[in-house]
Amino acid sequence: MSEPVLALDAVEKSYNRGKPGEVRVLRGASLAVAAGEVVALVAPSGAGKSTLLHIAGLLDTPDAGQVRIAGAEMGAASDRKRTAARRADIGFVYQFHHLLPEFTATENIVLPQLAAGAGRAKAEARALDLLDRMGIGARADHRPAALSGGEQQRVAVCRALANAPRLLLADEPTGNLDPATSDRVFDALMELVRGTGLAALIATHNLELAARMDRVLHLEAGRLV
């Protein structure tokens, strides 16, 4: 059996640790997400969902436990190694698109590739291919202000996948959209994820969308069930 792309093992995380008012957010959270698998993460607001995603994405460190990306233990790795792993192996999509307003859709997807050392021609070809696969190739030269909310979020998905990561982490990627647009963006996201075979952990409050993924994990009292 192949190593999971993402594995959390007994992860603990507290804020104000060891001080009055300490808040224990994660209490031994464990999960594994395999290549080609789409897993939903469901939790009420304030339960630690974003904290878990930040730890999985190497944006934060656990107090205890292990975080493995493609078999490599990264929870206690150096900042340099964590940054390199984020750039090469992990893509992020947030509830708000965070596109750079002065750049076109294509340019927003090209920039992270240039930062990773890709040549401009190759980066532009990759961006146009992703936009086509997300169904918005005709909007490639538009700046974010000229795009609808759903189109902006599709560009954000393309940007997250620009460097061909092994793992996609998404925090309420359709939470800022109306139901019809949410469905369209989610369908396009799923088609792209399935077509690339990467692992995906997607946090959502939408139980209908969660039910369309391979598995649903609930974060309850700091543990995943």
Protein backbone atom coordinates (compact mmCIF):
# COMPACT_ATOMS: atom_id res chain seq x y z
CA MET A 1 0.00 0.00 0.00
CA SER A 2 1.43 3.40 -0.99
CA GLU A 3 2.24 6.08 1.55
CA PRO A 4 -0.59 8.62 2.00
CA VAL A 5 0.07 12.06 0.62
CA LEU A 6 -1.01 13.65 3.91
CA ALA A 7 -0.87 11.97 7.30
CA LEU A 8 -1.52 13.56 10.68
CA ASP A 9 -0.78 11.40 13.68
CA ALA A 10 -2.01 12.37 17.17
CA VAL A 11 -1.64 16.10 16.48
CA GLU A 12 -2.05 18.42 19.48
CA LYS A 13 -2.43 22.18 19.34
CA SER A 14 -3.20 24.69 22.07
CA TYR A 15 -3.18 28.46 22.27
CA ASN A 16 -1.83 30.28 25.34
CA ARG A 17 -0.19 26.97 26.12
CA GLY A 18 0.75 26.54 29.76
CA LYS A 19 -0.87 29.84 30.71
CA PRO A 20 -4.18 30.82 32.30
CA GLY A 21 -6.86 30.70 29.64
CA GLU A 22 -5.14 27.94 27.63
CA VAL A 23 -7.37 26.72 24.79
CA ARG A 24 -6.83 23.17 23.57
CA VAL A 25 -7.91 23.14 19.94
CA LEU A 26 -6.62 19.79 18.66
CA ARG A 27 -6.48 16.81 21.02
CA GLY A 28 -4.80 13.97 19.17
CA ALA A 29 -6.22 14.56 15.69
CA SER A 30 -5.23 11.87 13.17
CA LEU A 31 -6.03 11.39 9.49
CA ALA A 32 -4.62 10.08 6.23
CA VAL A 33 -5.46 11.25 2.71
CA ALA A 34 -4.31 9.17 -0.26
CA ALA A 35 -3.48 10.25 -3.79
CA GLY A 36 -6.67 10.61 -5.81
CA GLU A 37 -8.84 10.88 -2.68
CA VAL A 38 -11.09 13.82 -1.86
CA VAL A 39 -11.92 14.10 1.84
CA ALA A 40 -14.41 16.52 3.38
CA LEU A 41 -13.64 18.16 6.72
CA VAL A 42 -16.77 19.27 8.57
CA ALA A 43 -16.79 21.20 11.83
CA PRO A 44 -18.72 24.02 13.50
CA SER A 45 -17.16 27.47 13.58
CA GLY A 46 -14.45 27.74 16.20
CA ALA A 47 -13.84 23.98 16.39
CA GLY A 48 -10.31 24.20 14.98
CA LYS A 49 -10.88 23.46 11.31
CA SER A 50 -8.65 26.28 10.07
CA THR A 51 -5.99 25.39 12.65
CA LEU A 52 -5.93 21.82 11.38
CA LEU A 53 -5.63 22.99 7.77
CA HIS A 54 -2.81 25.39 8.68
CA ILE A 55 -0.92 22.56 10.39
CA ALA A 56 -1.55 20.20 7.47
CA GLY A 57 -0.36 22.91 5.09
CA LEU A 58 2.80 23.59 7.13
CA LEU A 59 1.70 27.14 7.91
CA ASP A 60 1.65 26.31 11.62
CA THR A 61 3.40 23.75 13.80
CA PRO A 62 1.79 21.23 16.16
CA ASP A 63 2.61 21.11 19.87
CA ALA A 64 2.84 17.32 19.58
CA GLY A 65 2.25 14.62 17.00
CA GLN A 66 3.48 14.14 13.46
CA VAL A 67 2.70 15.78 10.12
CA ARG A 68 3.88 13.77 7.12
CA ILE A 69 3.76 14.93 3.52
CA ALA A 70 4.39 12.06 1.08
CA GLY A 71 6.05 10.12 3.88
CA ALA A 72 8.41 12.89 5.02
CA GLU A 73 7.95 14.13 8.59
CA MET A 74 7.47 17.89 8.34
CA GLY A 75 5.91 18.90 11.66
CA ALA A 76 9.26 19.70 13.23
CA ALA A 77 11.20 20.41 10.03
CA SER A 78 13.17 23.61 9.54
CA ASP A 79 11.43 26.69 8.16
CA ARG A 80 13.41 26.29 4.94
CA LYS A 81 12.24 22.71 4.41
CA ARG A 82 8.65 23.61 5.25
CA THR A 83 8.69 26.51 2.82
CA ALA A 84 10.12 24.31 0.07
CA ALA A 85 7.47 21.65 0.73
CA ARG A 86 4.67 24.22 0.65
CA ARG A 87 5.89 25.55 -2.68
CA ALA A 88 6.39 22.14 -4.31
CA ASP A 89 3.77 19.89 -2.76
CA ILE A 90 0.82 21.89 -1.42
CA GLY A 91 -1.83 24.09 -3.01
CA PHE A 92 -4.23 26.27 -1.00
CA VAL A 93 -7.71 27.58 -1.80
CA TYR A 94 -9.47 29.90 0.64
CA GLN A 95 -13.06 31.15 0.97
CA PHE A 96 -12.00 34.48 -0.55
CA HIS A 97 -10.01 34.30 -3.76
CA HIS A 98 -7.16 36.71 -2.79
CA LEU A 99 -6.29 37.30 -6.45
CA LEU A 100 -3.93 40.15 -7.26
CA PRO A 101 -6.23 42.82 -8.74
CA GLU A 102 -3.70 44.42 -11.08
CA PHE A 103 -2.97 41.15 -12.90
CA THR A 104 -5.07 39.11 -15.34
CA ALA A 105 -6.38 35.64 -14.59
CA THR A 106 -3.48 34.14 -16.55
CA GLU A 107 -0.90 36.30 -14.80
CA ASN A 108 -2.26 35.34 -11.36
CA ILE A 109 -1.59 31.69 -12.24
CA VAL A 110 1.77 32.38 -13.90
CA LEU A 111 3.29 34.23 -10.93
CA PRO A 112 3.58 31.29 -8.50
CA GLN A 113 5.15 29.24 -11.28
CA LEU A 114 7.76 31.92 -11.95
CA ALA A 115 8.49 32.03 -8.21
CA ALA A 116 9.13 28.28 -8.34
CA GLY A 117 11.59 28.69 -11.22
CA ALA A 118 9.43 27.87 -14.25
CA GLY A 119 10.03 29.64 -17.57
CA ARG A 120 7.41 32.17 -18.65
CA ALA A 121 6.28 30.34 -21.80
CA LYS A 122 5.78 27.08 -19.93
CA ALA A 123 4.02 28.89 -17.07
CA GLU A 124 1.63 30.65 -19.44
CA ALA A 125 0.82 27.40 -21.26
CA ARG A 126 0.12 25.72 -17.91
CA ALA A 127 -2.12 28.62 -16.83
CA LEU A 128 -4.15 28.56 -20.04
CA ASP A 129 -4.57 24.78 -19.82
CA LEU A 130 -5.86 25.01 -16.24
CA LEU A 131 -8.27 27.82 -17.12
CA ASP A 132 -9.61 25.79 -20.04
CA ARG A 133 -10.10 22.76 -17.80
CA MET A 134 -11.98 24.93 -15.29
CA GLY A 135 -14.24 26.16 -18.09
CA ILE A 136 -13.09 29.78 -18.11
CA GLY A 137 -10.43 29.85 -20.81
CA ALA A 138 -12.26 32.71 -22.51
CA ARG A 139 -11.68 34.88 -19.42
CA ALA A 140 -7.89 34.42 -19.38
CA ASP A 141 -7.09 38.07 -20.14
CA HIS A 142 -9.58 39.56 -17.68
CA ARG A 143 -8.56 41.12 -14.39
CA PRO A 144 -10.38 39.96 -11.22
CA ALA A 145 -12.69 43.00 -11.15
CA ALA A 146 -14.09 41.93 -14.54
CA LEU A 147 -14.82 38.38 -13.35
CA SER A 148 -17.82 37.05 -11.45
CA GLY A 149 -17.37 35.63 -7.96
CA GLY A 150 -17.48 32.09 -9.30
CA GLU A 151 -14.96 32.89 -12.02
CA GLN A 152 -12.62 34.50 -9.50
CA GLN A 153 -12.75 31.40 -7.34
CA ARG A 154 -12.04 29.15 -10.33
CA VAL A 155 -8.96 31.22 -11.06
CA ALA A 156 -7.94 30.79 -7.41
CA VAL A 157 -8.26 27.01 -7.81
CA CYS A 158 -6.09 27.15 -10.94
CA ARG A 159 -3.50 29.21 -9.07
CA ALA A 160 -3.46 26.62 -6.25
CA LEU A 161 -2.76 23.87 -8.79
CA ALA A 162 -0.29 25.88 -10.88
CA ASN A 163 2.81 24.13 -9.54
CA ALA A 164 1.24 20.64 -9.78
CA PRO A 165 1.09 19.99 -6.01
CA ARG A 166 0.50 16.56 -4.51
CA LEU A 167 -1.97 17.94 -1.96
CA LEU A 168 -4.80 20.47 -2.24
CA LEU A 169 -6.11 22.07 0.96
CA ALA A 170 -9.28 24.12 0.66
CA ASP A 171 -10.98 26.12 3.42
CA GLU A 172 -14.64 26.73 2.54
CA PRO A 173 -13.77 27.20 -1.17
CA THR A 174 -17.41 27.81 -2.15
CA GLY A 175 -18.57 29.40 1.11
CA ASN A 176 -18.71 32.90 -0.35
CA LEU A 177 -20.83 31.93 -3.37
CA ASP A 178 -24.54 31.53 -4.00
CA PRO A 179 -25.80 27.91 -4.15
CA ALA A 180 -25.93 27.61 -7.96
CA THR A 181 -22.47 29.13 -8.43
CA SER A 182 -21.15 27.02 -5.54
CA ASP A 183 -22.28 23.85 -7.32
CA ARG A 184 -20.64 24.87 -10.59
CA VAL A 185 -17.34 25.77 -8.92
CA PHE A 186 -17.36 22.57 -6.88
CA ASP A 187 -18.07 20.44 -9.97
CA ALA A 188 -15.19 22.08 -11.82
CA LEU A 189 -12.91 21.65 -8.81
CA MET A 190 -13.77 17.97 -8.47
CA GLU A 191 -13.24 17.34 -12.18
CA LEU A 192 -9.81 18.98 -12.05
CA VAL A 193 -8.82 17.12 -8.87
CA ARG A 194 -9.94 13.80 -10.31
CA GLY A 195 -8.07 14.51 -13.54
CA THR A 196 -4.79 15.20 -11.78
CA GLY A 197 -4.97 12.47 -9.13
CA LEU A 198 -3.81 14.65 -6.27
CA ALA A 199 -5.02 14.29 -2.67
CA ALA A 200 -7.53 16.88 -1.44
CA LEU A 201 -8.78 17.88 2.00
CA ILE A 202 -11.70 20.29 1.69
CA ALA A 203 -13.29 22.02 4.67
CA THR A 204 -16.94 22.90 4.17
CA HIS A 205 -20.11 23.72 6.08
CA ASN A 206 -22.13 22.47 3.11
CA LEU A 207 -23.20 18.93 3.98
CA GLU A 208 -24.54 18.31 0.46
CA LEU A 209 -21.12 19.07 -1.02
CA ALA A 210 -19.42 17.01 1.70
CA ALA A 211 -21.57 14.00 0.82
CA ARG A 212 -20.25 14.11 -2.76
CA MET A 213 -16.66 13.57 -1.62
CA ASP A 214 -15.06 10.20 -0.93
CA ARG A 215 -15.15 10.47 2.86
CA VAL A 216 -16.40 12.90 5.48
CA LEU A 217 -14.39 13.62 8.63
CA HIS A 218 -15.96 15.51 11.52
CA LEU A 219 -13.79 17.51 13.90
CA GLU A 220 -15.33 17.06 17.33
CA ALA A 221 -13.73 18.06 20.65
CA GLY A 222 -10.34 18.32 18.96
CA ARG A 223 -10.43 14.86 17.38
CA LEU A 224 -11.35 13.61 13.91
CA VAL A 225 -14.14 11.04 13.57
